[in-house]
Amino acid sequence: MARQGLYDRLPPPPVCPGMECAGTVRALGDGVRDRQVGDKVMVLARSGLWQEVVNVPASHTFPMPEGMSFEEAAALLVNYITAYMILFDFGNLRPNQSVLIHMAAGGVGTAAIQLCKTVENVTIFGTASASKHESLKESGVAHPIDYRTMDYAEEVRKISPKGVDIVLDPLGGSDTSKAFNLLKPMGKLITYGVANLLTGQKKNLMAMAKTWWNQFSITALQLLHQNKAVCGYHLGYMDEEVELLRSVVAKLVNLYSQGKIKPKIDSVWPFDQVAEAMKQMQEKKNVGKVILVPEAPKEEPKKAEN
C-alpha cells in the first residue's frame, strides 16, 4: 500500500519504507541508560527500517527474548501487536467464542490464530485461497473458507446460523458491511485495513472508487438498536503511545517464552531482491511473514545485523 501511495503514515518520496526490524545495538545516544551496545532488540518506527544501519529513539526498541532469531524478531511487532490489541483490547475475546479472521494465512492472520489458541475453546473461521487450507487447519482454523469460490458469509452461517462473536476486518469496502451483519448480539467488528484497495502491482482507481463508494457507515442510533460494537484500529497512529505498546510487547514476549506464539516466516529475501519479495506478498503466495535481510543467507545462515 505504501508503494502505491495508499498508506497515509509514510512520508512522501524519497523515503525508505519499513516499520519494523531487528538487530544489534551498535551505539547509544547521550542519556540512554536502559540499553547497552550489543543488546539484541526489536524496533518499531513509522518508516525507514529497510536499511543495514538505522537510528531510532531508544523508546522504540524492545529487548528480544532468549532464543528468538532475528528473522522472528523482525516478524513479531507489527503483526502481533495488531492482532493482540484487536482481539483482546477491542474484541475482549473469551472462552467459547467464535472469530472470523480474513486473510488468515497472512502476517496478522497467523498471529491472530495463535493468540486465539491461548483462550479456551475458541472457534476460528478463516478466509484464504484453497491452497492454504491445509496449513490453516494445522495451525488451528476449524473452518477454512475459500473466499475466491464461496460466499464466506453464507459458509459461516451454514456452520453457525447466529454468526460469530468477533470479526477482524482488514478488507474494507462492502466486506465491512458483511462483517457487521455476521455479528451475533454483543458481537464486535474491528476494522484495521483496506486491503480491497489493492488489486495488482499498480494503483487501481476503479478499486479505490468502488471501495470508497461501498464503505460501511452507521449512526449511533442504529448501533444502539443492534447491540453490536464497531472499532477501528491503526497501529501507525499509536507511535506516541509508548507505555501502552510496551505493556503489549511485554505480554507478547511472555507468550513467546512460554512457547504459545511463534512468528511464522514464509520466506527470507536479500535487499537486492526486494521486488521479488513484494511480489510474493502481493500475489498472495505467502503463508506467514516475508522477511528482508541485507544479504542472502550463507550456507550456515548468518544472522543479519539489522
C-alpha atoms as a PDB file:
ATOM      1  CA  MET A   1       0.000   0.000   0.000  1.00  0.00           C
ATOM      2  CA  ALA A   2       2.850   2.371   0.813  1.00  0.00           C
ATOM      3  CA  ARG A   3       4.490   1.722  -2.553  1.00  0.00           C
ATOM      4  CA  GLN A   4       1.271   2.639  -4.365  1.00  0.00           C
ATOM      5  CA  GLY A   5       0.881   5.819  -2.307  1.00  0.00           C
ATOM      6  CA  LEU A   6      -2.077   4.390  -0.362  1.00  0.00           C
ATOM      7  CA  TYR A   7      -0.551   4.360   3.134  1.00  0.00           C
ATOM      8  CA  ASP A   8      -1.016   7.735   4.799  1.00  0.00           C
ATOM      9  CA  ARG A   9       1.608   7.312   7.533  1.00  0.00           C
ATOM     10  CA  LEU A  10       4.553   7.014   5.112  1.00  0.00           C
ATOM     11  CA  PRO A  11       6.278  10.364   4.407  1.00  0.00           C
ATOM     12  CA  PRO A  12       6.390  11.441   0.703  1.00  0.00           C
ATOM     13  CA  PRO A  13       9.252  10.152  -1.528  1.00  0.00           C
ATOM     14  CA  PRO A  14      12.180   9.983  -1.444  1.00  0.00           C
ATOM     15  CA  VAL A  15      11.583   7.697   1.518  1.00  0.00           C
ATOM     16  CA  CYS A  16      12.782   4.354   2.850  1.00  0.00           C
ATOM     17  CA  PRO A  17       9.890   2.087   3.942  1.00  0.00           C
ATOM     18  CA  GLY A  18       9.994  -0.354   6.858  1.00  0.00           C
ATOM     19  CA  MET A  19       8.018  -0.158  10.119  1.00  0.00           C
ATOM     20  CA  GLU A  20       9.791  -2.967  11.978  1.00  0.00           C
ATOM     21  CA  CYS A  21      13.184  -4.635  12.139  1.00  0.00           C
ATOM     22  CA  ALA A  22      15.527  -6.453  14.493  1.00  0.00           C
ATOM     23  CA  GLY A  23      19.244  -6.140  15.092  1.00  0.00           C
ATOM     24  CA  THR A  24      22.105  -5.407  17.478  1.00  0.00           C
ATOM     25  CA  VAL A  25      22.672  -2.052  19.191  1.00  0.00           C
ATOM     26  CA  ARG A  26      25.885  -0.523  17.787  1.00  0.00           C
ATOM     27  CA  ALA A  27      25.925   2.830  19.592  1.00  0.00           C
ATOM     28  CA  LEU A  28      23.940   4.814  22.181  1.00  0.00           C
ATOM     29  CA  GLY A  29      22.872   8.460  22.212  1.00  0.00           C
ATOM     30  CA  ASP A  30      23.604  10.684  25.204  1.00  0.00           C
ATOM     31  CA  GLY A  31      21.364   9.905  28.134  1.00  0.00           C
ATOM     32  CA  VAL A  32      20.322   6.388  27.062  1.00  0.00           C
ATOM     33  CA  ARG A  33      20.543   4.283  30.227  1.00  0.00           C
ATOM     34  CA  ASP A  34      18.333   1.236  29.617  1.00  0.00           C
ATOM     35  CA  ARG A  35      20.147  -0.163  26.550  1.00  0.00           C
ATOM     36  CA  GLN A  36      23.725  -1.405  26.060  1.00  0.00           C
ATOM     37  CA  VAL A  37      25.891  -1.744  22.974  1.00  0.00           C
ATOM     38  CA  GLY A  38      25.477  -5.359  21.849  1.00  0.00           C
ATOM     39  CA  ASP A  39      21.853  -5.691  23.018  1.00  0.00           C
ATOM     40  CA  LYS A  40      19.626  -7.590  20.612  1.00  0.00           C
ATOM     41  CA  VAL A  41      16.463  -5.581  20.012  1.00  0.00           C
ATOM     42  CA  MET A  42      13.241  -5.404  18.016  1.00  0.00           C
ATOM     43  CA  VAL A  43      12.406  -1.963  16.590  1.00  0.00           C
ATOM     44  CA  LEU A  44       9.139  -0.225  15.713  1.00  0.00           C
ATOM     45  CA  ALA A  45       9.056   3.003  13.653  1.00  0.00           C
ATOM     46  CA  ARG A  46       6.835   4.860  11.189  1.00  0.00           C
ATOM     47  CA  SER A  47       9.287   4.216   8.320  1.00  0.00           C
ATOM     48  CA  GLY A  48      12.955   3.927   7.395  1.00  0.00           C
ATOM     49  CA  LEU A  49      13.876   0.456   8.638  1.00  0.00           C
ATOM     50  CA  TRP A  50      14.747  -1.294   5.345  1.00  0.00           C
ATOM     51  CA  GLN A  51      18.413  -0.449   5.954  1.00  0.00           C
ATOM     52  CA  GLU A  52      21.523  -2.089   7.339  1.00  0.00           C
ATOM     53  CA  VAL A  53      22.013   0.617   9.990  1.00  0.00           C
ATOM     54  CA  VAL A  54      19.174   2.663  11.477  1.00  0.00           C
ATOM     55  CA  ASN A  55      18.972   5.474  14.004  1.00  0.00           C
ATOM     56  CA  VAL A  56      15.896   5.207  16.254  1.00  0.00           C
ATOM     57  CA  PRO A  57      14.699   6.506  19.642  1.00  0.00           C
ATOM     58  CA  ALA A  58      15.586   4.059  22.426  1.00  0.00           C
ATOM     59  CA  SER A  59      11.902   4.054  23.452  1.00  0.00           C
ATOM     60  CA  HIS A  60      11.047   2.401  20.102  1.00  0.00           C
ATOM     61  CA  THR A  61      13.288  -0.593  20.839  1.00  0.00           C
ATOM     62  CA  PHE A  62      12.282  -3.742  22.719  1.00  0.00           C
ATOM     63  CA  PRO A  63      14.722  -6.405  24.002  1.00  0.00           C
ATOM     64  CA  MET A  64      14.495  -9.694  22.107  1.00  0.00           C
ATOM     65  CA  PRO A  65      13.518 -12.702  24.254  1.00  0.00           C
ATOM     66  CA  GLU A  66      16.001 -15.534  24.805  1.00  0.00           C
ATOM     67  CA  GLY A  67      16.163 -17.998  21.919  1.00  0.00           C
ATOM     68  CA  MET A  68      14.470 -15.777  19.332  1.00  0.00           C
ATOM     69  CA  SER A  69      16.100 -15.421  15.895  1.00  0.00           C
ATOM     70  CA  PHE A  70      16.500 -12.024  14.218  1.00  0.00           C
ATOM     71  CA  GLU A  71      14.077 -13.153  11.499  1.00  0.00           C
ATOM     72  CA  GLU A  72      11.404 -13.998  14.092  1.00  0.00           C
ATOM     73  CA  ALA A  73      12.061 -10.719  15.900  1.00  0.00           C
ATOM     74  CA  ALA A  74      11.598  -8.758  12.677  1.00  0.00           C
ATOM     75  CA  ALA A  75       8.267 -10.568  12.183  1.00  0.00           C
ATOM     76  CA  LEU A  76       6.821 -10.028  15.651  1.00  0.00           C
ATOM     77  CA  LEU A  77       5.960  -6.426  16.440  1.00  0.00           C
ATOM     78  CA  VAL A  78       3.554  -5.065  13.800  1.00  0.00           C
ATOM     79  CA  ASN A  79       1.540  -8.246  13.300  1.00  0.00           C
ATOM     80  CA  TYR A  80       1.361  -9.453  16.890  1.00  0.00           C
ATOM     81  CA  ILE A  81       0.739  -6.041  18.494  1.00  0.00           C
ATOM     82  CA  THR A  82      -2.092  -5.505  15.988  1.00  0.00           C
ATOM     83  CA  ALA A  83      -3.585  -8.985  16.494  1.00  0.00           C
ATOM     84  CA  TYR A  84      -3.280  -8.778  20.294  1.00  0.00           C
ATOM     85  CA  MET A  85      -4.889  -5.368  20.647  1.00  0.00           C
ATOM     86  CA  ILE A  86      -7.769  -6.029  18.253  1.00  0.00           C
ATOM     87  CA  LEU A  87      -8.552  -9.456  19.760  1.00  0.00           C
ATOM     88  CA  PHE A  88      -8.154  -8.671  23.464  1.00  0.00           C
ATOM     89  CA  ASP A  89      -8.350  -4.892  23.982  1.00  0.00           C
ATOM     90  CA  PHE A  90     -11.157  -4.247  21.494  1.00  0.00           C
ATOM     91  CA  GLY A  91     -12.523  -7.767  20.936  1.00  0.00           C
ATOM     92  CA  ASN A  92     -12.478  -8.843  24.608  1.00  0.00           C
ATOM     93  CA  LEU A  93     -12.042 -12.444  23.405  1.00  0.00           C
ATOM     94  CA  ARG A  94     -13.234 -15.004  25.967  1.00  0.00           C
ATOM     95  CA  PRO A  95     -13.605 -18.814  26.130  1.00  0.00           C
ATOM     96  CA  ASN A  96     -16.256 -20.482  23.928  1.00  0.00           C
ATOM     97  CA  GLN A  97     -16.466 -17.587  21.472  1.00  0.00           C
ATOM     98  CA  SER A  98     -16.111 -17.593  17.684  1.00  0.00           C
ATOM     99  CA  VAL A  99     -13.902 -15.408  15.482  1.00  0.00           C
ATOM    100  CA  LEU A 100     -13.775 -14.755  11.733  1.00  0.00           C
ATOM    101  CA  ILE A 101     -10.242 -13.939  10.547  1.00  0.00           C
ATOM    102  CA  HIS A 102      -9.819 -12.642   6.988  1.00  0.00           C
ATOM    103  CA  MET A 103      -6.524 -13.166   5.141  1.00  0.00           C
ATOM    104  CA  ALA A 104      -5.899 -15.865   7.728  1.00  0.00           C
ATOM    105  CA  ALA A 105      -2.613 -17.039   6.167  1.00  0.00           C
ATOM    106  CA  GLY A 106      -1.031 -13.563   6.208  1.00  0.00           C
ATOM    107  CA  GLY A 107       1.005 -11.923   8.964  1.00  0.00           C
ATOM    108  CA  VAL A 108      -1.778 -10.566  11.201  1.00  0.00           C
ATOM    109  CA  GLY A 109      -3.958 -13.600  10.402  1.00  0.00           C
ATOM    110  CA  THR A 110      -1.271 -16.039  11.536  1.00  0.00           C
ATOM    111  CA  ALA A 111      -0.677 -14.031  14.729  1.00  0.00           C
ATOM    112  CA  ALA A 112      -4.425 -13.839  15.451  1.00  0.00           C
ATOM    113  CA  ILE A 113      -4.839 -17.622  15.061  1.00  0.00           C
ATOM    114  CA  GLN A 114      -2.016 -18.299  17.541  1.00  0.00           C
ATOM    115  CA  LEU A 115      -3.426 -15.769  20.016  1.00  0.00           C
ATOM    116  CA  CYS A 116      -6.935 -17.266  19.727  1.00  0.00           C
ATOM    117  CA  LYS A 117      -5.394 -20.609  20.706  1.00  0.00           C
ATOM    118  CA  THR A 118      -4.297 -19.121  24.047  1.00  0.00           C
ATOM    119  CA  VAL A 119      -8.002 -18.878  25.006  1.00  0.00           C
ATOM    120  CA  GLU A 120     -10.040 -21.992  25.742  1.00  0.00           C
ATOM    121  CA  ASN A 121     -12.397 -23.396  23.107  1.00  0.00           C
ATOM    122  CA  VAL A 122     -12.369 -20.533  20.572  1.00  0.00           C
ATOM    123  CA  THR A 123     -13.839 -21.495  17.174  1.00  0.00           C
ATOM    124  CA  ILE A 124     -11.876 -19.943  14.302  1.00  0.00           C
ATOM    125  CA  PHE A 125     -13.252 -19.298  10.814  1.00  0.00           C
ATOM    126  CA  GLY A 126     -10.515 -18.204   8.384  1.00  0.00           C
ATOM    127  CA  THR A 127     -10.654 -16.996   4.777  1.00  0.00           C
ATOM    128  CA  ALA A 128      -7.794 -17.834   2.412  1.00  0.00           C
ATOM    129  CA  SER A 129      -7.279 -19.359  -1.030  1.00  0.00           C
ATOM    130  CA  ALA A 130      -7.773 -23.150  -1.175  1.00  0.00           C
ATOM    131  CA  SER A 131      -4.038 -23.946  -1.459  1.00  0.00           C
ATOM    132  CA  LYS A 132      -3.521 -22.578   2.080  1.00  0.00           C
ATOM    133  CA  HIS A 133      -6.334 -24.512   3.800  1.00  0.00           C
ATOM    134  CA  GLU A 134      -4.226 -27.491   4.905  1.00  0.00           C
ATOM    135  CA  SER A 135      -1.728 -25.187   6.574  1.00  0.00           C
ATOM    136  CA  LEU A 136      -4.590 -23.254   8.250  1.00  0.00           C
ATOM    137  CA  LYS A 137      -6.154 -26.445   9.624  1.00  0.00           C
ATOM    138  CA  GLU A 138      -2.795 -27.495  11.085  1.00  0.00           C
ATOM    139  CA  SER A 139      -2.470 -24.101  12.791  1.00  0.00           C
ATOM    140  CA  GLY A 140      -5.909 -24.312  14.427  1.00  0.00           C
ATOM    141  CA  VAL A 141      -8.514 -22.914  12.000  1.00  0.00           C
ATOM    142  CA  ALA A 142     -11.617 -25.106  12.420  1.00  0.00           C
ATOM    143  CA  HIS A 143     -13.326 -23.793   9.276  1.00  0.00           C
ATOM    144  CA  PRO A 144     -11.125 -22.539   6.405  1.00  0.00           C
ATOM    145  CA  ILE A 145     -13.178 -20.823   3.664  1.00  0.00           C
ATOM    146  CA  ASP A 146     -12.076 -20.173   0.075  1.00  0.00           C
ATOM    147  CA  TYR A 147     -13.240 -16.588  -0.482  1.00  0.00           C
ATOM    148  CA  ARG A 148     -12.474 -16.908  -4.214  1.00  0.00           C
ATOM    149  CA  THR A 149     -15.081 -19.584  -4.900  1.00  0.00           C
ATOM    150  CA  MET A 150     -17.538 -19.232  -1.996  1.00  0.00           C
ATOM    151  CA  ASP A 151     -19.570 -16.550  -0.268  1.00  0.00           C
ATOM    152  CA  TYR A 152     -17.824 -16.607   3.113  1.00  0.00           C
ATOM    153  CA  ALA A 153     -20.841 -15.084   4.923  1.00  0.00           C
ATOM    154  CA  GLU A 154     -23.065 -17.947   3.694  1.00  0.00           C
ATOM    155  CA  GLU A 155     -20.435 -20.525   4.678  1.00  0.00           C
ATOM    156  CA  VAL A 156     -20.181 -19.087   8.213  1.00  0.00           C
ATOM    157  CA  ARG A 157     -23.976 -19.123   8.602  1.00  0.00           C
ATOM    158  CA  LYS A 158     -24.196 -22.781   7.495  1.00  0.00           C
ATOM    159  CA  ILE A 159     -21.987 -23.731  10.447  1.00  0.00           C
ATOM    160  CA  SER A 160     -23.045 -21.004  12.899  1.00  0.00           C
ATOM    161  CA  PRO A 161     -26.525 -19.702  11.966  1.00  0.00           C
ATOM    162  CA  LYS A 162     -26.341 -16.844  14.500  1.00  0.00           C
ATOM    163  CA  GLY A 163     -22.971 -15.672  13.151  1.00  0.00           C
ATOM    164  CA  VAL A 164     -19.791 -15.011  15.136  1.00  0.00           C
ATOM    165  CA  ASP A 165     -18.716 -13.009  18.198  1.00  0.00           C
ATOM    166  CA  ILE A 166     -15.762 -11.169  16.609  1.00  0.00           C
ATOM    167  CA  VAL A 167     -14.838 -10.266  13.016  1.00  0.00           C
ATOM    168  CA  LEU A 168     -11.346  -8.962  12.207  1.00  0.00           C
ATOM    169  CA  ASP A 169     -11.715  -6.850   9.061  1.00  0.00           C
ATOM    170  CA  PRO A 170      -8.590  -5.844   7.112  1.00  0.00           C
ATOM    171  CA  LEU A 171     -10.571  -5.586   3.835  1.00  0.00           C
ATOM    172  CA  GLY A 172     -12.824  -2.516   3.990  1.00  0.00           C
ATOM    173  CA  GLY A 173     -15.485  -1.572   1.455  1.00  0.00           C
ATOM    174  CA  SER A 174     -18.513  -3.846   1.171  1.00  0.00           C
ATOM    175  CA  ASP A 175     -16.785  -6.529   3.291  1.00  0.00           C
ATOM    176  CA  THR A 176     -17.148  -4.323   6.378  1.00  0.00           C
ATOM    177  CA  SER A 177     -20.951  -4.341   5.944  1.00  0.00           C
ATOM    178  CA  LYS A 178     -20.894  -8.133   5.521  1.00  0.00           C
ATOM    179  CA  ALA A 179     -18.806  -8.391   8.692  1.00  0.00           C
ATOM    180  CA  PHE A 180     -21.236  -6.262  10.694  1.00  0.00           C
ATOM    181  CA  ASN A 181     -24.192  -8.354   9.527  1.00  0.00           C
ATOM    182  CA  LEU A 182     -22.362 -11.535  10.566  1.00  0.00           C
ATOM    183  CA  LEU A 183     -22.054 -10.459  14.207  1.00  0.00           C
ATOM    184  CA  LYS A 184     -24.101 -12.092  16.952  1.00  0.00           C
ATOM    185  CA  PRO A 185     -25.772  -9.813  19.521  1.00  0.00           C
ATOM    186  CA  MET A 186     -22.962  -8.238  21.613  1.00  0.00           C
ATOM    187  CA  GLY A 187     -20.573  -9.039  18.766  1.00  0.00           C
ATOM    188  CA  LYS A 188     -17.617  -6.825  17.843  1.00  0.00           C
ATOM    189  CA  LEU A 189     -16.299  -5.782  14.435  1.00  0.00           C
ATOM    190  CA  ILE A 190     -12.738  -4.459  14.409  1.00  0.00           C
ATOM    191  CA  THR A 191     -11.700  -2.851  11.133  1.00  0.00           C
ATOM    192  CA  TYR A 192      -7.944  -2.389  10.716  1.00  0.00           C
ATOM    193  CA  GLY A 193      -7.186  -2.086   6.998  1.00  0.00           C
ATOM    194  CA  VAL A 194      -8.408  -1.531   3.453  1.00  0.00           C
ATOM    195  CA  ALA A 195      -6.807  -4.402   1.523  1.00  0.00           C
ATOM    196  CA  ASN A 196      -9.593  -4.180  -1.068  1.00  0.00           C
ATOM    197  CA  LEU A 197      -7.759  -1.121  -2.455  1.00  0.00           C
ATOM    198  CA  LEU A 198      -5.050  -3.464  -3.734  1.00  0.00           C
ATOM    199  CA  THR A 199      -5.830  -5.445  -6.872  1.00  0.00           C
ATOM    200  CA  GLY A 200      -2.422  -5.755  -8.551  1.00  0.00           C
ATOM    201  CA  GLN A 201       1.062  -4.301  -8.901  1.00  0.00           C
ATOM    202  CA  LYS A 202      -0.216  -0.812  -9.796  1.00  0.00           C
ATOM    203  CA  LYS A 203      -2.701   1.578  -8.231  1.00  0.00           C
ATOM    204  CA  ASN A 204      -6.258   0.792  -9.401  1.00  0.00           C
ATOM    205  CA  LEU A 205      -8.506   3.864  -9.416  1.00  0.00           C
ATOM    206  CA  MET A 206     -11.608   1.749 -10.053  1.00  0.00           C
ATOM    207  CA  ALA A 207     -10.918  -0.390  -6.975  1.00  0.00           C
ATOM    208  CA  MET A 208     -10.339   2.767  -4.935  1.00  0.00           C
ATOM    209  CA  ALA A 209     -13.627   4.318  -6.104  1.00  0.00           C
ATOM    210  CA  LYS A 210     -15.533   1.063  -5.501  1.00  0.00           C
ATOM    211  CA  THR A 211     -14.093   0.618  -2.005  1.00  0.00           C
ATOM    212  CA  TRP A 212     -14.849   4.241  -1.112  1.00  0.00           C
ATOM    213  CA  TRP A 213     -18.402   4.025  -2.530  1.00  0.00           C
ATOM    214  CA  ASN A 214     -19.126   0.783  -0.638  1.00  0.00           C
ATOM    215  CA  GLN A 215     -17.621   1.832   2.664  1.00  0.00           C
ATOM    216  CA  PHE A 216     -19.615   0.953   5.746  1.00  0.00           C
ATOM    217  CA  SER A 217     -21.492   3.711   7.530  1.00  0.00           C
ATOM    218  CA  ILE A 218     -23.734   3.548  10.605  1.00  0.00           C
ATOM    219  CA  THR A 219     -25.231   6.088  13.019  1.00  0.00           C
ATOM    220  CA  ALA A 220     -25.019   5.946  16.811  1.00  0.00           C
ATOM    221  CA  LEU A 221     -28.779   5.360  16.981  1.00  0.00           C
ATOM    222  CA  GLN A 222     -28.580   2.378  14.586  1.00  0.00           C
ATOM    223  CA  LEU A 223     -25.786   0.928  16.729  1.00  0.00           C
ATOM    224  CA  LEU A 224     -27.946   1.311  19.816  1.00  0.00           C
ATOM    225  CA  HIS A 225     -30.657  -0.901  18.287  1.00  0.00           C
ATOM    226  CA  GLN A 226     -28.192  -3.534  17.025  1.00  0.00           C
ATOM    227  CA  ASN A 227     -26.374  -4.433  20.270  1.00  0.00           C
ATOM    228  CA  LYS A 228     -23.092  -4.584  18.374  1.00  0.00           C
ATOM    229  CA  ALA A 229     -19.775  -2.710  18.532  1.00  0.00           C
ATOM    230  CA  VAL A 230     -17.649  -1.286  15.706  1.00  0.00           C
ATOM    231  CA  CYS A 231     -13.980  -0.465  16.436  1.00  0.00           C
ATOM    232  CA  GLY A 232     -11.206   0.993  14.283  1.00  0.00           C
ATOM    233  CA  TYR A 233      -7.524   0.170  14.815  1.00  0.00           C
ATOM    234  CA  HIS A 234      -4.415   1.651  13.153  1.00  0.00           C
ATOM    235  CA  LEU A 235      -1.017   0.888  14.720  1.00  0.00           C
ATOM    236  CA  GLY A 236       0.549   3.663  12.602  1.00  0.00           C
ATOM    237  CA  TYR A 237      -1.243   6.245  14.762  1.00  0.00           C
ATOM    238  CA  MET A 238      -0.084   4.698  18.055  1.00  0.00           C
ATOM    239  CA  ASP A 239       3.583   5.699  17.813  1.00  0.00           C
ATOM    240  CA  GLU A 240       3.277   8.185  20.712  1.00  0.00           C
ATOM    241  CA  GLU A 241       1.644   5.565  22.994  1.00  0.00           C
ATOM    242  CA  VAL A 242       4.966   4.227  24.248  1.00  0.00           C
ATOM    243  CA  GLU A 243       3.771   2.835  27.595  1.00  0.00           C
ATOM    244  CA  LEU A 244       0.715   1.172  26.072  1.00  0.00           C
ATOM    245  CA  LEU A 245       2.799  -0.523  23.357  1.00  0.00           C
ATOM    246  CA  ARG A 246       5.468  -1.531  25.870  1.00  0.00           C
ATOM    247  CA  SER A 247       2.871  -3.318  28.012  1.00  0.00           C
ATOM    248  CA  VAL A 248       1.529  -5.213  24.960  1.00  0.00           C
ATOM    249  CA  VAL A 249       5.047  -6.222  23.850  1.00  0.00           C
ATOM    250  CA  ALA A 250       5.798  -7.479  27.390  1.00  0.00           C
ATOM    251  CA  LYS A 251       2.741  -9.752  27.185  1.00  0.00           C
ATOM    252  CA  LEU A 252       3.784 -10.990  23.732  1.00  0.00           C
ATOM    253  CA  VAL A 253       7.359 -11.705  24.861  1.00  0.00           C
ATOM    254  CA  ASN A 254       5.942 -13.669  27.788  1.00  0.00           C
ATOM    255  CA  LEU A 255       3.715 -15.723  25.431  1.00  0.00           C
ATOM    256  CA  TYR A 256       6.704 -16.349  23.124  1.00  0.00           C
ATOM    257  CA  SER A 257       8.852 -17.503  26.061  1.00  0.00           C
ATOM    258  CA  GLN A 258       6.067 -19.928  27.076  1.00  0.00           C
ATOM    259  CA  GLY A 259       6.007 -21.336  23.517  1.00  0.00           C
ATOM    260  CA  LYS A 260       2.423 -20.170  22.932  1.00  0.00           C
ATOM    261  CA  ILE A 261       3.204 -17.890  19.973  1.00  0.00           C
ATOM    262  CA  LYS A 262       5.889 -18.148  17.300  1.00  0.00           C
ATOM    263  CA  PRO A 263       6.166 -15.891  14.246  1.00  0.00           C
ATOM    264  CA  LYS A 264       5.674 -17.878  11.053  1.00  0.00           C
ATOM    265  CA  ILE A 265       8.285 -16.996   8.426  1.00  0.00           C
ATOM    266  CA  ASP A 266       7.159 -17.556   4.843  1.00  0.00           C
ATOM    267  CA  SER A 267      10.438 -16.618   3.147  1.00  0.00           C
ATOM    268  CA  VAL A 268      13.639 -14.570   3.578  1.00  0.00           C
ATOM    269  CA  TRP A 269      14.933 -12.293   0.791  1.00  0.00           C
ATOM    270  CA  PRO A 270      18.121 -10.180   0.461  1.00  0.00           C
ATOM    271  CA  PHE A 271      17.692  -6.431  -0.080  1.00  0.00           C
ATOM    272  CA  ASP A 272      18.562  -6.693  -3.793  1.00  0.00           C
ATOM    273  CA  GLN A 273      15.547  -8.989  -4.317  1.00  0.00           C
ATOM    274  CA  VAL A 274      13.049  -6.641  -2.683  1.00  0.00           C
ATOM    275  CA  ALA A 275      10.890  -6.540  -5.844  1.00  0.00           C
ATOM    276  CA  GLU A 276      10.522 -10.336  -5.821  1.00  0.00           C
ATOM    277  CA  ALA A 277       9.771 -10.260  -2.073  1.00  0.00           C
ATOM    278  CA  MET A 278       6.981  -7.736  -2.651  1.00  0.00           C
ATOM    279  CA  LYS A 279       5.530  -9.829  -5.499  1.00  0.00           C
ATOM    280  CA  GLN A 280       5.456 -12.876  -3.209  1.00  0.00           C
ATOM    281  CA  MET A 281       3.166 -10.933  -0.890  1.00  0.00           C
ATOM    282  CA  GLN A 282       1.143  -9.036  -3.490  1.00  0.00           C
ATOM    283  CA  GLU A 283       0.364 -12.201  -5.453  1.00  0.00           C
ATOM    284  CA  LYS A 284      -0.847 -13.744  -2.163  1.00  0.00           C
ATOM    285  CA  LYS A 285       1.619 -16.631  -2.293  1.00  0.00           C
ATOM    286  CA  ASN A 286       2.894 -16.177   1.253  1.00  0.00           C
ATOM    287  CA  VAL A 287       1.848 -18.150   4.320  1.00  0.00           C
ATOM    288  CA  GLY A 288       3.225 -16.037   7.144  1.00  0.00           C
ATOM    289  CA  LYS A 289       5.755 -13.227   7.020  1.00  0.00           C
ATOM    290  CA  VAL A 290       8.009 -12.110   4.162  1.00  0.00           C
ATOM    291  CA  ILE A 291      11.374 -11.002   5.617  1.00  0.00           C
ATOM    292  CA  LEU A 292      14.147  -8.817   4.162  1.00  0.00           C
ATOM    293  CA  VAL A 293      17.805  -9.211   5.182  1.00  0.00           C
ATOM    294  CA  PRO A 294      20.778  -7.100   3.995  1.00  0.00           C
ATOM    295  CA  GLU A 295      22.385 -10.017   2.134  1.00  0.00           C
ATOM    296  CA  ALA A 296      21.492 -13.533   1.027  1.00  0.00           C
ATOM    297  CA  PRO A 297      21.784 -16.140   3.825  1.00  0.00           C
ATOM    298  CA  LYS A 298      25.034 -18.127   3.612  1.00  0.00           C
ATOM    299  CA  GLU A 299      25.259 -21.926   3.832  1.00  0.00           C
ATOM    300  CA  GLU A 300      25.410 -21.517   7.600  1.00  0.00           C
ATOM    301  CA  PRO A 301      22.771 -18.791   7.942  1.00  0.00           C
ATOM    302  CA  LYS A 302      24.454 -15.607   9.069  1.00  0.00           C
ATOM    303  CA  LYS A 303      22.153 -13.577  11.300  1.00  0.00           C
ATOM    304  CA  ALA A 304      21.690 -10.145   9.796  1.00  0.00           C
ATOM    305  CA  GLU A 305      22.722  -7.214  11.960  1.00  0.00           C
ATOM    306  CA  ASN A 306      19.594  -5.325  11.018  1.00  0.00           C
END
